[in-house]
Amino acid sequence: MLQETIEPQWLDAFEAVLGRCGLQAGDTVAVLGESQSRPVLLELARLAAARRGAQVFSLLLPSTFPADQPVARSTGASPVLRRLAPVVSALAGSTLVVDCTVEGLMHAPELPAILKGGARVVYVSNEHPEALARLLPGDGRSRW
């Protein structure tokens, strides 16, 4: 497998997205990943949050592969949290969770508890980081 090295434009793109999420200096950021997450995404999220002056910590959980379910992709319901109360509490107590899990937390059963704790969540798709740099959201004004 190819191991990517950090490129400046990728880091700039991650930092821009975190800025659009309202991340401020002093905020607490949880970078959530799993064993099958792209390592470069976890590192970019951590560095971009630190660049913005946030207090950053990482949670890396083992990927799970339920034997009784078919292989599915893009469900938006990552099973990695497994309703582990200490993990959910740590995420809920954060200002922002940068979700780098393979499936994402959008439909995960733990998401309501994380949001109820006051955390915001931004999902980073498990794609190559060049995709974000190329498709970085604009300021809402059309270029056409």
C-alpha atoms as a PDB file:
ATOM      1  CA  MET A   1       0.000   0.000   0.000  1.00  0.00           C
ATOM      2  CA  LEU A   2       1.202   3.459  -0.828  1.00  0.00           C
ATOM      3  CA  GLN A   3       1.952   5.590   2.223  1.00  0.00           C
ATOM      4  CA  GLU A   4       1.246   9.245   1.517  1.00  0.00           C
ATOM      5  CA  THR A   5       3.401  12.011   2.913  1.00  0.00           C
ATOM      6  CA  ILE A   6       1.806  15.243   4.062  1.00  0.00           C
ATOM      7  CA  GLU A   7       1.497  17.819   1.288  1.00  0.00           C
ATOM      8  CA  PRO A   8       1.084  21.525   2.151  1.00  0.00           C
ATOM      9  CA  GLN A   9      -2.051  21.970   0.019  1.00  0.00           C
ATOM     10  CA  TRP A  10      -3.717  19.031   1.795  1.00  0.00           C
ATOM     11  CA  LEU A  11      -2.985  20.552   5.184  1.00  0.00           C
ATOM     12  CA  ASP A  12      -4.252  23.933   3.986  1.00  0.00           C
ATOM     13  CA  ALA A  13      -7.487  22.301   2.790  1.00  0.00           C
ATOM     14  CA  PHE A  14      -8.042  20.549   6.116  1.00  0.00           C
ATOM     15  CA  GLU A  15      -7.394  23.777   7.993  1.00  0.00           C
ATOM     16  CA  ALA A  16      -9.863  25.655   5.763  1.00  0.00           C
ATOM     17  CA  VAL A  17     -12.579  23.077   6.427  1.00  0.00           C
ATOM     18  CA  LEU A  18     -12.007  23.281  10.182  1.00  0.00           C
ATOM     19  CA  GLY A  19     -12.293  27.051   9.918  1.00  0.00           C
ATOM     20  CA  ARG A  20     -15.650  26.634   8.159  1.00  0.00           C
ATOM     21  CA  CYS A  21     -16.677  24.424  11.098  1.00  0.00           C
ATOM     22  CA  GLY A  22     -16.136  27.405  13.387  1.00  0.00           C
ATOM     23  CA  LEU A  23     -13.099  25.948  15.134  1.00  0.00           C
ATOM     24  CA  GLN A  24     -11.477  28.517  17.421  1.00  0.00           C
ATOM     25  CA  ALA A  25      -8.181  28.607  19.281  1.00  0.00           C
ATOM     26  CA  GLY A  26      -8.588  26.817  22.601  1.00  0.00           C
ATOM     27  CA  ASP A  27     -11.383  24.520  21.400  1.00  0.00           C
ATOM     28  CA  THR A  28     -11.000  20.807  22.062  1.00  0.00           C
ATOM     29  CA  VAL A  29     -10.840  18.551  19.021  1.00  0.00           C
ATOM     30  CA  ALA A  30     -11.159  14.777  19.040  1.00  0.00           C
ATOM     31  CA  VAL A  31      -9.723  13.108  15.956  1.00  0.00           C
ATOM     32  CA  LEU A  32     -11.586   9.813  15.705  1.00  0.00           C
ATOM     33  CA  GLY A  33     -10.222   7.004  13.592  1.00  0.00           C
ATOM     34  CA  GLU A  34     -10.111   3.262  13.315  1.00  0.00           C
ATOM     35  CA  SER A  35      -7.480   0.747  12.316  1.00  0.00           C
ATOM     36  CA  GLN A  36      -8.656   0.835   8.674  1.00  0.00           C
ATOM     37  CA  SER A  37      -8.702   4.664   8.455  1.00  0.00           C
ATOM     38  CA  ARG A  38      -6.153   6.258   6.154  1.00  0.00           C
ATOM     39  CA  PRO A  39      -3.281   7.299   8.463  1.00  0.00           C
ATOM     40  CA  VAL A  40      -2.640  10.446   6.426  1.00  0.00           C
ATOM     41  CA  LEU A  41      -6.192  11.694   7.133  1.00  0.00           C
ATOM     42  CA  LEU A  42      -5.734  11.307  10.889  1.00  0.00           C
ATOM     43  CA  GLU A  43      -2.445  13.172  10.768  1.00  0.00           C
ATOM     44  CA  LEU A  44      -3.809  15.961   8.573  1.00  0.00           C
ATOM     45  CA  ALA A  45      -6.785  16.438  10.912  1.00  0.00           C
ATOM     46  CA  ARG A  46      -4.519  16.563  13.953  1.00  0.00           C
ATOM     47  CA  LEU A  47      -2.080  19.019  12.388  1.00  0.00           C
ATOM     48  CA  ALA A  48      -4.797  21.277  10.955  1.00  0.00           C
ATOM     49  CA  ALA A  49      -6.563  21.513  14.323  1.00  0.00           C
ATOM     50  CA  ALA A  50      -3.255  22.286  16.045  1.00  0.00           C
ATOM     51  CA  ARG A  51      -2.519  24.978  13.459  1.00  0.00           C
ATOM     52  CA  ARG A  52      -5.811  26.633  14.424  1.00  0.00           C
ATOM     53  CA  GLY A  53      -4.750  26.610  18.088  1.00  0.00           C
ATOM     54  CA  ALA A  54      -7.050  23.815  19.235  1.00  0.00           C
ATOM     55  CA  GLN A  55      -6.300  21.300  21.946  1.00  0.00           C
ATOM     56  CA  VAL A  56      -6.219  18.012  20.049  1.00  0.00           C
ATOM     57  CA  PHE A  57      -6.441  14.396  21.091  1.00  0.00           C
ATOM     58  CA  SER A  58      -6.835  11.244  19.032  1.00  0.00           C
ATOM     59  CA  LEU A  59      -8.924   8.136  19.511  1.00  0.00           C
ATOM     60  CA  LEU A  60      -7.972   5.158  17.350  1.00  0.00           C
ATOM     61  CA  LEU A  61     -10.298   2.194  17.712  1.00  0.00           C
ATOM     62  CA  PRO A  62     -10.052  -1.244  16.113  1.00  0.00           C
ATOM     63  CA  SER A  63     -12.117  -1.691  12.976  1.00  0.00           C
ATOM     64  CA  THR A  64     -14.888  -4.221  13.358  1.00  0.00           C
ATOM     65  CA  PHE A  65     -16.160  -6.711  10.836  1.00  0.00           C
ATOM     66  CA  PRO A  66     -19.471  -8.230  12.004  1.00  0.00           C
ATOM     67  CA  ALA A  67     -19.584 -11.842  10.823  1.00  0.00           C
ATOM     68  CA  ASP A  68     -23.382 -11.974  10.828  1.00  0.00           C
ATOM     69  CA  GLN A  69     -23.848  -9.051   8.433  1.00  0.00           C
ATOM     70  CA  PRO A  70     -23.045  -8.580   4.754  1.00  0.00           C
ATOM     71  CA  VAL A  71     -20.125  -6.403   3.787  1.00  0.00           C
ATOM     72  CA  ALA A  72     -21.472  -2.882   3.355  1.00  0.00           C
ATOM     73  CA  ARG A  73     -19.887   0.400   2.403  1.00  0.00           C
ATOM     74  CA  SER A  74     -21.070   3.943   2.944  1.00  0.00           C
ATOM     75  CA  THR A  75     -23.725   3.154   5.504  1.00  0.00           C
ATOM     76  CA  GLY A  76     -22.924   6.215   7.589  1.00  0.00           C
ATOM     77  CA  ALA A  77     -23.191   4.030  10.684  1.00  0.00           C
ATOM     78  CA  SER A  78     -19.709   3.086  11.792  1.00  0.00           C
ATOM     79  CA  PRO A  79     -19.764   0.223  14.320  1.00  0.00           C
ATOM     80  CA  VAL A  80     -16.381   1.071  15.863  1.00  0.00           C
ATOM     81  CA  LEU A  81     -17.689   2.906  18.954  1.00  0.00           C
ATOM     82  CA  ARG A  82     -19.550  -0.209  20.144  1.00  0.00           C
ATOM     83  CA  ARG A  83     -21.466   1.970  22.644  1.00  0.00           C
ATOM     84  CA  LEU A  84     -18.334   2.238  24.799  1.00  0.00           C
ATOM     85  CA  ALA A  85     -19.359   4.844  27.389  1.00  0.00           C
ATOM     86  CA  PRO A  86     -15.852   6.282  27.983  1.00  0.00           C
ATOM     87  CA  VAL A  87     -15.370   6.821  24.248  1.00  0.00           C
ATOM     88  CA  VAL A  88     -18.777   8.415  23.786  1.00  0.00           C
ATOM     89  CA  SER A  89     -18.134  10.667  26.813  1.00  0.00           C
ATOM     90  CA  ALA A  90     -14.775  11.797  25.469  1.00  0.00           C
ATOM     91  CA  LEU A  91     -16.296  12.640  22.101  1.00  0.00           C
ATOM     92  CA  ALA A  92     -19.340  14.360  23.630  1.00  0.00           C
ATOM     93  CA  GLY A  93     -17.069  16.509  25.795  1.00  0.00           C
ATOM     94  CA  SER A  94     -15.189  17.838  22.784  1.00  0.00           C
ATOM     95  CA  THR A  95     -15.947  21.006  20.874  1.00  0.00           C
ATOM     96  CA  LEU A  96     -15.486  19.248  17.542  1.00  0.00           C
ATOM     97  CA  VAL A  97     -15.102  15.612  16.514  1.00  0.00           C
ATOM     98  CA  VAL A  98     -13.207  15.074  13.268  1.00  0.00           C
ATOM     99  CA  ASP A  99     -14.676  11.749  12.214  1.00  0.00           C
ATOM    100  CA  CYS A 100     -12.162   9.825  10.113  1.00  0.00           C
ATOM    101  CA  THR A 101     -13.845   6.444  10.544  1.00  0.00           C
ATOM    102  CA  VAL A 102     -14.387   4.425   7.398  1.00  0.00           C
ATOM    103  CA  GLU A 103     -18.209   4.504   7.523  1.00  0.00           C
ATOM    104  CA  GLY A 104     -18.734   7.693   9.516  1.00  0.00           C
ATOM    105  CA  LEU A 105     -20.979   8.450  12.484  1.00  0.00           C
ATOM    106  CA  MET A 106     -23.865  10.106  10.621  1.00  0.00           C
ATOM    107  CA  HIS A 107     -26.244   7.208  11.381  1.00  0.00           C
ATOM    108  CA  ALA A 108     -24.349   5.618  14.272  1.00  0.00           C
ATOM    109  CA  PRO A 109     -26.449   4.898  17.368  1.00  0.00           C
ATOM    110  CA  GLU A 110     -23.989   6.878  19.531  1.00  0.00           C
ATOM    111  CA  LEU A 111     -24.326  10.135  17.552  1.00  0.00           C
ATOM    112  CA  PRO A 112     -27.284  11.583  19.519  1.00  0.00           C
ATOM    113  CA  ALA A 113     -25.366  11.244  22.805  1.00  0.00           C
ATOM    114  CA  ILE A 114     -22.288  12.881  21.263  1.00  0.00           C
ATOM    115  CA  LEU A 115     -24.330  15.803  19.943  1.00  0.00           C
ATOM    116  CA  LYS A 116     -26.288  16.112  23.204  1.00  0.00           C
ATOM    117  CA  GLY A 117     -22.965  16.621  24.986  1.00  0.00           C
ATOM    118  CA  GLY A 118     -22.412  19.724  22.856  1.00  0.00           C
ATOM    119  CA  ALA A 119     -19.904  18.403  20.344  1.00  0.00           C
ATOM    120  CA  ARG A 120     -20.125  19.122  16.639  1.00  0.00           C
ATOM    121  CA  VAL A 121     -19.058  16.417  14.185  1.00  0.00           C
ATOM    122  CA  VAL A 122     -17.443  16.769  10.777  1.00  0.00           C
ATOM    123  CA  TYR A 123     -17.039  13.619   8.702  1.00  0.00           C
ATOM    124  CA  VAL A 124     -13.914  13.187   6.586  1.00  0.00           C
ATOM    125  CA  SER A 125     -14.517  10.609   3.881  1.00  0.00           C
ATOM    126  CA  ASN A 126     -11.931   7.834   3.795  1.00  0.00           C
ATOM    127  CA  GLU A 127     -10.718   9.018   0.386  1.00  0.00           C
ATOM    128  CA  HIS A 128      -7.297  10.219  -0.709  1.00  0.00           C
ATOM    129  CA  PRO A 129      -6.682  13.720   0.752  1.00  0.00           C
ATOM    130  CA  GLU A 130      -6.147  15.160  -2.705  1.00  0.00           C
ATOM    131  CA  ALA A 131      -9.920  14.888  -3.189  1.00  0.00           C
ATOM    132  CA  LEU A 132     -10.560  17.430  -0.426  1.00  0.00           C
ATOM    133  CA  ALA A 133      -7.904  19.798  -1.734  1.00  0.00           C
ATOM    134  CA  ARG A 134      -9.451  19.580  -5.220  1.00  0.00           C
ATOM    135  CA  LEU A 135     -13.074  19.836  -4.066  1.00  0.00           C
ATOM    136  CA  LEU A 136     -12.680  22.317  -1.214  1.00  0.00           C
ATOM    137  CA  PRO A 137     -15.998  24.076  -0.525  1.00  0.00           C
ATOM    138  CA  GLY A 138     -16.138  27.677  -1.658  1.00  0.00           C
ATOM    139  CA  ASP A 139     -17.533  30.709   0.100  1.00  0.00           C
ATOM    140  CA  GLY A 140     -20.992  30.275  -1.427  1.00  0.00           C
ATOM    141  CA  ARG A 141     -20.462  32.628  -4.336  1.00  0.00           C
ATOM    142  CA  SER A 142     -20.685  31.172  -7.799  1.00  0.00           C
ATOM    143  CA  ARG A 143     -17.600  31.388  -9.994  1.00  0.00           C
ATOM    144  CA  TRP A 144     -19.724  31.238 -13.159  1.00  0.00           C
END
